[in-house]
Amino acid sequence: MKSLKKTQYILFLLISILIFPINNAFSDETGIFIGAVSKHYCTCVFVSKLNPDHCSDSLNNFMEQVLEDPNLANAVNVMKVDIDAETLVVSVSVEDRAVQSIFNGKKGCYLDKLN
């Protein structure tokens, strides 16, 4: 009886892998990237209280060495960063994708919206 259940489980896993594309299981790299950029600017500006230009310079120095994917490198060129000091929100958008990081004062920055 146990061997039958194990066989059914193995067959279910194999069929699931064949039917559902494995790419859907992985996170979108662009979404992860703009989320990281949003958190960087939020922490840099609101927590560390640094100038946004300094935050951009430090991010650019980091990105040049790390980015190997040409799609992400292109995303950097069209990325738009908006910092709202009144509401403590940083919005980062790339084409049709957007992320917001909000600084709440006590716990730091957190991601609010992923589109």
N, C-alpha and C. Protein backbone atom coordinates (compact mmCIF):
# COMPACT_ATOMS: atom_id res chain seq x y z
N MET A 1 0.82 -1.19 0.00
CA MET A 1 0.00 0.00 0.00
C MET A 1 0.86 1.26 0.00
N LYS A 2 1.94 1.24 0.79
CA LYS A 2 2.82 2.40 0.83
C LYS A 2 3.53 2.61 -0.49
N SER A 3 3.91 1.52 -1.15
CA SER A 3 4.59 1.66 -2.44
C SER A 3 3.65 2.22 -3.49
N LEU A 4 2.37 1.91 -3.41
CA LEU A 4 1.39 2.46 -4.34
C LEU A 4 1.25 3.97 -4.14
N LYS A 5 1.20 4.41 -2.90
CA LYS A 5 1.11 5.85 -2.62
C LYS A 5 2.36 6.58 -3.08
N LYS A 6 3.52 5.97 -2.87
CA LYS A 6 4.77 6.59 -3.33
C LYS A 6 4.79 6.69 -4.85
N THR A 7 4.34 5.68 -5.51
CA THR A 7 4.29 5.69 -6.98
C THR A 7 3.33 6.77 -7.47
N GLN A 8 2.17 6.87 -6.85
CA GLN A 8 1.21 7.91 -7.22
C GLN A 8 1.81 9.30 -7.01
N TYR A 9 2.49 9.48 -5.90
CA TYR A 9 3.11 10.78 -5.60
C TYR A 9 4.17 11.14 -6.64
N ILE A 10 5.01 10.17 -6.99
CA ILE A 10 6.05 10.40 -7.99
C ILE A 10 5.43 10.72 -9.34
N LEU A 11 4.40 9.97 -9.73
CA LEU A 11 3.71 10.25 -11.01
C LEU A 11 3.07 11.63 -11.01
N PHE A 12 2.47 12.01 -9.89
CA PHE A 12 1.87 13.33 -9.79
C PHE A 12 2.91 14.43 -9.96
N LEU A 13 4.06 14.27 -9.32
CA LEU A 13 5.12 15.26 -9.45
C LEU A 13 5.65 15.36 -10.88
N LEU A 14 5.86 14.22 -11.52
CA LEU A 14 6.36 14.23 -12.89
C LEU A 14 5.36 14.86 -13.85
N ILE A 15 4.10 14.53 -13.70
CA ILE A 15 3.07 15.12 -14.56
C ILE A 15 2.97 16.61 -14.32
N SER A 16 3.04 17.04 -13.05
CA SER A 16 2.97 18.47 -12.73
C SER A 16 4.12 19.23 -13.36
N ILE A 17 5.29 18.64 -13.33
CA ILE A 17 6.46 19.31 -13.91
C ILE A 17 6.32 19.40 -15.43
N LEU A 18 5.78 18.37 -16.05
CA LEU A 18 5.62 18.38 -17.50
C LEU A 18 4.51 19.31 -17.96
N ILE A 19 3.43 19.40 -17.20
CA ILE A 19 2.28 20.21 -17.62
C ILE A 19 2.52 21.69 -17.35
N PHE A 20 2.99 22.03 -16.16
CA PHE A 20 3.19 23.43 -15.79
C PHE A 20 4.61 23.85 -16.14
N PRO A 21 4.75 24.92 -16.90
CA PRO A 21 6.10 25.37 -17.24
C PRO A 21 6.86 25.78 -15.99
N ILE A 22 8.09 25.36 -15.92
CA ILE A 22 8.92 25.63 -14.74
C ILE A 22 9.25 27.11 -14.63
N ASN A 23 9.17 27.85 -15.73
CA ASN A 23 9.46 29.29 -15.68
C ASN A 23 8.49 30.04 -14.80
N ASN A 24 7.26 29.54 -14.67
CA ASN A 24 6.29 30.21 -13.81
C ASN A 24 6.64 30.10 -12.34
N ALA A 25 7.47 29.15 -12.00
CA ALA A 25 7.85 28.96 -10.60
C ALA A 25 8.93 29.96 -10.16
N PHE A 26 9.66 30.52 -11.10
CA PHE A 26 10.73 31.45 -10.76
C PHE A 26 10.19 32.89 -10.71
N SER A 27 10.77 33.68 -9.84
CA SER A 27 10.37 35.08 -9.73
C SER A 27 10.89 35.86 -10.93
N ASP A 28 10.21 36.91 -11.24
CA ASP A 28 10.60 37.77 -12.35
C ASP A 28 11.80 38.60 -11.93
N GLU A 29 12.88 38.54 -12.69
CA GLU A 29 14.11 39.25 -12.33
C GLU A 29 13.93 40.76 -12.33
N THR A 30 13.15 41.27 -13.27
CA THR A 30 12.93 42.72 -13.32
C THR A 30 12.20 43.20 -12.07
N GLY A 31 11.20 42.46 -11.63
CA GLY A 31 10.47 42.82 -10.42
C GLY A 31 11.35 42.81 -9.20
N ILE A 32 12.20 41.81 -9.10
CA ILE A 32 13.14 41.74 -7.98
C ILE A 32 14.11 42.91 -8.03
N PHE A 33 14.58 43.21 -9.23
CA PHE A 33 15.56 44.29 -9.41
C PHE A 33 14.97 45.65 -9.02
N ILE A 34 13.78 45.98 -9.54
CA ILE A 34 13.23 47.30 -9.21
C ILE A 34 12.78 47.36 -7.76
N GLY A 35 12.43 46.22 -7.16
CA GLY A 35 12.14 46.20 -5.73
C GLY A 35 13.38 46.51 -4.91
N ALA A 36 14.51 45.94 -5.33
CA ALA A 36 15.78 46.20 -4.63
C ALA A 36 16.20 47.66 -4.79
N VAL A 37 16.00 48.21 -5.99
CA VAL A 37 16.34 49.62 -6.22
C VAL A 37 15.46 50.53 -5.36
N SER A 38 14.18 50.21 -5.29
CA SER A 38 13.25 51.00 -4.48
C SER A 38 13.65 50.97 -3.00
N LYS A 39 13.98 49.79 -2.49
CA LYS A 39 14.41 49.68 -1.09
C LYS A 39 15.73 50.40 -0.86
N HIS A 40 16.62 50.36 -1.84
CA HIS A 40 17.91 51.06 -1.71
C HIS A 40 17.68 52.56 -1.54
N TYR A 41 16.89 53.14 -2.44
CA TYR A 41 16.65 54.58 -2.36
C TYR A 41 15.91 54.95 -1.07
N CYS A 42 14.93 54.15 -0.68
CA CYS A 42 14.19 54.44 0.54
C CYS A 42 15.11 54.43 1.75
N THR A 43 15.93 53.41 1.86
CA THR A 43 16.86 53.32 2.99
C THR A 43 17.91 54.41 2.93
N CYS A 44 18.42 54.67 1.76
CA CYS A 44 19.48 55.66 1.60
C CYS A 44 18.98 57.07 1.93
N VAL A 45 17.79 57.42 1.45
CA VAL A 45 17.28 58.78 1.62
C VAL A 45 16.64 58.98 2.99
N PHE A 46 15.77 58.07 3.40
CA PHE A 46 14.99 58.30 4.62
C PHE A 46 15.66 57.76 5.89
N VAL A 47 16.38 56.66 5.81
CA VAL A 47 17.03 56.11 7.00
C VAL A 47 18.41 56.74 7.19
N SER A 48 19.23 56.71 6.13
CA SER A 48 20.58 57.26 6.23
C SER A 48 20.62 58.77 6.05
N LYS A 49 19.52 59.34 5.56
CA LYS A 49 19.39 60.79 5.35
C LYS A 49 20.48 61.34 4.44
N LEU A 50 20.74 60.60 3.35
CA LEU A 50 21.73 61.02 2.37
C LEU A 50 21.04 61.72 1.20
N ASN A 51 21.81 62.45 0.46
CA ASN A 51 21.33 63.15 -0.73
C ASN A 51 20.97 62.11 -1.80
N PRO A 52 19.84 62.28 -2.51
CA PRO A 52 19.47 61.34 -3.58
C PRO A 52 20.55 61.19 -4.65
N ASP A 53 21.31 62.24 -4.91
CA ASP A 53 22.39 62.12 -5.90
C ASP A 53 23.47 61.16 -5.41
N HIS A 54 23.78 61.21 -4.13
CA HIS A 54 24.75 60.27 -3.56
C HIS A 54 24.22 58.84 -3.63
N CYS A 55 22.92 58.67 -3.40
CA CYS A 55 22.30 57.34 -3.48
C CYS A 55 22.38 56.80 -4.91
N SER A 56 22.15 57.68 -5.89
CA SER A 56 22.23 57.27 -7.29
C SER A 56 23.65 56.86 -7.66
N ASP A 57 24.63 57.64 -7.20
CA ASP A 57 26.03 57.32 -7.49
C ASP A 57 26.43 55.97 -6.90
N SER A 58 26.04 55.73 -5.66
CA SER A 58 26.41 54.46 -5.03
C SER A 58 25.72 53.28 -5.71
N LEU A 59 24.48 53.47 -6.14
CA LEU A 59 23.76 52.41 -6.85
C LEU A 59 24.38 52.14 -8.21
N ASN A 60 24.75 53.20 -8.92
CA ASN A 60 25.36 53.03 -10.24
C ASN A 60 26.71 52.32 -10.13
N ASN A 61 27.49 52.63 -9.12
CA ASN A 61 28.78 51.95 -8.91
C ASN A 61 28.57 50.46 -8.64
N PHE A 62 27.53 50.14 -7.92
CA PHE A 62 27.22 48.75 -7.61
C PHE A 62 26.69 48.02 -8.85
N MET A 63 25.81 48.64 -9.60
CA MET A 63 25.15 47.98 -10.73
C MET A 63 26.11 47.66 -11.86
N GLU A 64 27.07 48.51 -12.11
CA GLU A 64 28.00 48.27 -13.21
C GLU A 64 28.75 46.95 -13.04
N GLN A 65 29.05 46.59 -11.80
CA GLN A 65 29.83 45.39 -11.55
C GLN A 65 28.97 44.14 -11.44
N VAL A 66 27.70 44.29 -11.11
CA VAL A 66 26.87 43.13 -10.81
C VAL A 66 26.01 42.67 -11.99
N LEU A 67 25.48 43.60 -12.75
CA LEU A 67 24.52 43.23 -13.79
C LEU A 67 25.20 42.55 -14.97
N GLU A 68 24.79 41.32 -15.21
CA GLU A 68 25.30 40.58 -16.36
C GLU A 68 24.20 40.39 -17.40
N ASP A 69 22.95 40.44 -16.95
CA ASP A 69 21.83 40.24 -17.86
C ASP A 69 21.58 41.52 -18.66
N PRO A 70 21.61 41.45 -20.00
CA PRO A 70 21.41 42.65 -20.80
C PRO A 70 20.02 43.25 -20.64
N ASN A 71 19.01 42.43 -20.32
CA ASN A 71 17.67 42.96 -20.11
C ASN A 71 17.62 43.85 -18.87
N LEU A 72 18.30 43.45 -17.82
CA LEU A 72 18.34 44.28 -16.62
C LEU A 72 19.16 45.53 -16.85
N ALA A 73 20.23 45.41 -17.61
CA ALA A 73 21.05 46.58 -17.92
C ALA A 73 20.23 47.59 -18.72
N ASN A 74 19.38 47.13 -19.63
CA ASN A 74 18.50 48.04 -20.37
C ASN A 74 17.45 48.65 -19.46
N ALA A 75 16.98 47.89 -18.48
CA ALA A 75 15.99 48.41 -17.54
C ALA A 75 16.55 49.57 -16.73
N VAL A 76 17.84 49.52 -16.44
CA VAL A 76 18.48 50.60 -15.70
C VAL A 76 18.40 51.91 -16.48
N ASN A 77 18.56 51.84 -17.78
CA ASN A 77 18.57 53.04 -18.61
C ASN A 77 17.20 53.70 -18.70
N VAL A 78 16.11 52.92 -18.59
CA VAL A 78 14.76 53.49 -18.70
C VAL A 78 14.05 53.59 -17.36
N MET A 79 14.75 53.28 -16.28
CA MET A 79 14.16 53.30 -14.95
C MET A 79 13.88 54.73 -14.49
N LYS A 80 12.71 54.92 -13.90
CA LYS A 80 12.32 56.23 -13.37
C LYS A 80 12.14 56.11 -11.86
N VAL A 81 12.83 56.99 -11.12
CA VAL A 81 12.77 56.98 -9.65
C VAL A 81 12.14 58.29 -9.19
N ASP A 82 11.06 58.19 -8.41
CA ASP A 82 10.39 59.35 -7.82
C ASP A 82 10.46 59.25 -6.31
N ILE A 83 10.98 60.30 -5.67
CA ILE A 83 11.10 60.33 -4.22
C ILE A 83 10.18 61.42 -3.69
N ASP A 84 9.21 61.03 -2.86
CA ASP A 84 8.28 61.99 -2.26
C ASP A 84 8.63 62.13 -0.79
N ALA A 85 9.27 63.23 -0.44
CA ALA A 85 9.74 63.44 0.94
C ALA A 85 8.59 63.71 1.90
N GLU A 86 7.46 64.19 1.42
CA GLU A 86 6.32 64.47 2.30
C GLU A 86 5.64 63.20 2.78
N THR A 87 5.40 62.27 1.86
CA THR A 87 4.72 61.02 2.23
C THR A 87 5.70 59.89 2.51
N LEU A 88 7.00 60.14 2.38
CA LEU A 88 8.06 59.16 2.63
C LEU A 88 7.90 57.92 1.75
N VAL A 89 7.68 58.16 0.47
CA VAL A 89 7.47 57.08 -0.50
C VAL A 89 8.49 57.21 -1.62
N VAL A 90 9.05 56.08 -2.03
CA VAL A 90 9.93 56.01 -3.19
C VAL A 90 9.26 55.11 -4.21
N SER A 91 9.05 55.63 -5.42
CA SER A 91 8.44 54.86 -6.50
C SER A 91 9.48 54.64 -7.59
N VAL A 92 9.60 53.41 -8.03
CA VAL A 92 10.51 53.06 -9.12
C VAL A 92 9.68 52.37 -10.18
N SER A 93 9.82 52.84 -11.43
CA SER A 93 9.05 52.24 -12.52
C SER A 93 9.95 51.98 -13.71
N VAL A 94 9.65 50.89 -14.40
CA VAL A 94 10.31 50.51 -15.63
C VAL A 94 9.21 50.08 -16.58
N GLU A 95 8.97 50.89 -17.61
CA GLU A 95 7.92 50.63 -18.59
C GLU A 95 6.60 50.41 -17.89
N ASP A 96 6.05 49.19 -17.90
CA ASP A 96 4.74 48.94 -17.30
C ASP A 96 4.82 48.35 -15.88
N ARG A 97 6.01 48.23 -15.32
CA ARG A 97 6.21 47.68 -13.98
C ARG A 97 6.53 48.81 -13.01
N ALA A 98 5.99 48.72 -11.81
CA ALA A 98 6.25 49.76 -10.80
C ALA A 98 6.28 49.15 -9.41
N VAL A 99 7.09 49.75 -8.54
CA VAL A 99 7.22 49.32 -7.15
C VAL A 99 7.28 50.56 -6.28
N GLN A 100 6.66 50.48 -5.10
CA GLN A 100 6.76 51.56 -4.12
C GLN A 100 7.35 51.02 -2.83
N SER A 101 8.25 51.79 -2.25
CA SER A 101 8.75 51.51 -0.90
C SER A 101 8.31 52.65 0.00
N ILE A 102 7.83 52.29 1.16
CA ILE A 102 7.33 53.28 2.12
C ILE A 102 8.16 53.18 3.38
N PHE A 103 8.56 54.35 3.88
CA PHE A 103 9.29 54.42 5.15
C PHE A 103 8.30 54.72 6.25
N ASN A 104 8.22 53.84 7.27
CA ASN A 104 7.25 54.07 8.33
C ASN A 104 7.86 54.57 9.62
N GLY A 105 9.16 54.80 9.63
CA GLY A 105 9.80 55.40 10.79
C GLY A 105 10.29 54.42 11.83
N LYS A 106 9.49 53.43 12.19
CA LYS A 106 9.89 52.50 13.24
C LYS A 106 10.62 51.29 12.70
N LYS A 107 10.08 50.70 11.65
CA LYS A 107 10.65 49.45 11.13
C LYS A 107 11.42 49.65 9.84
N GLY A 108 11.57 50.85 9.39
CA GLY A 108 12.31 51.10 8.15
C GLY A 108 11.43 51.09 6.94
N CYS A 109 11.98 50.66 5.82
CA CYS A 109 11.28 50.68 4.54
C CYS A 109 10.70 49.31 4.22
N TYR A 110 9.52 49.33 3.61
CA TYR A 110 8.92 48.08 3.15
C TYR A 110 8.30 48.30 1.79
N LEU A 111 8.21 47.22 1.02
CA LEU A 111 7.60 47.30 -0.31
C LEU A 111 6.09 47.34 -0.14
N ASP A 112 5.46 48.25 -0.87
CA ASP A 112 4.02 48.39 -0.76
C ASP A 112 3.29 47.83 -1.97
N LYS A 113 3.70 48.24 -3.16
CA LYS A 113 2.98 47.83 -4.38
C LYS A 113 3.94 47.22 -5.36
N LEU A 114 3.56 46.09 -5.91
CA LEU A 114 4.29 45.47 -7.00
C LEU A 114 3.32 45.33 -8.17
N ASN A 115 3.64 45.96 -9.27
CA ASN A 115 2.78 45.85 -10.46
C ASN A 115 3.54 45.14 -11.55
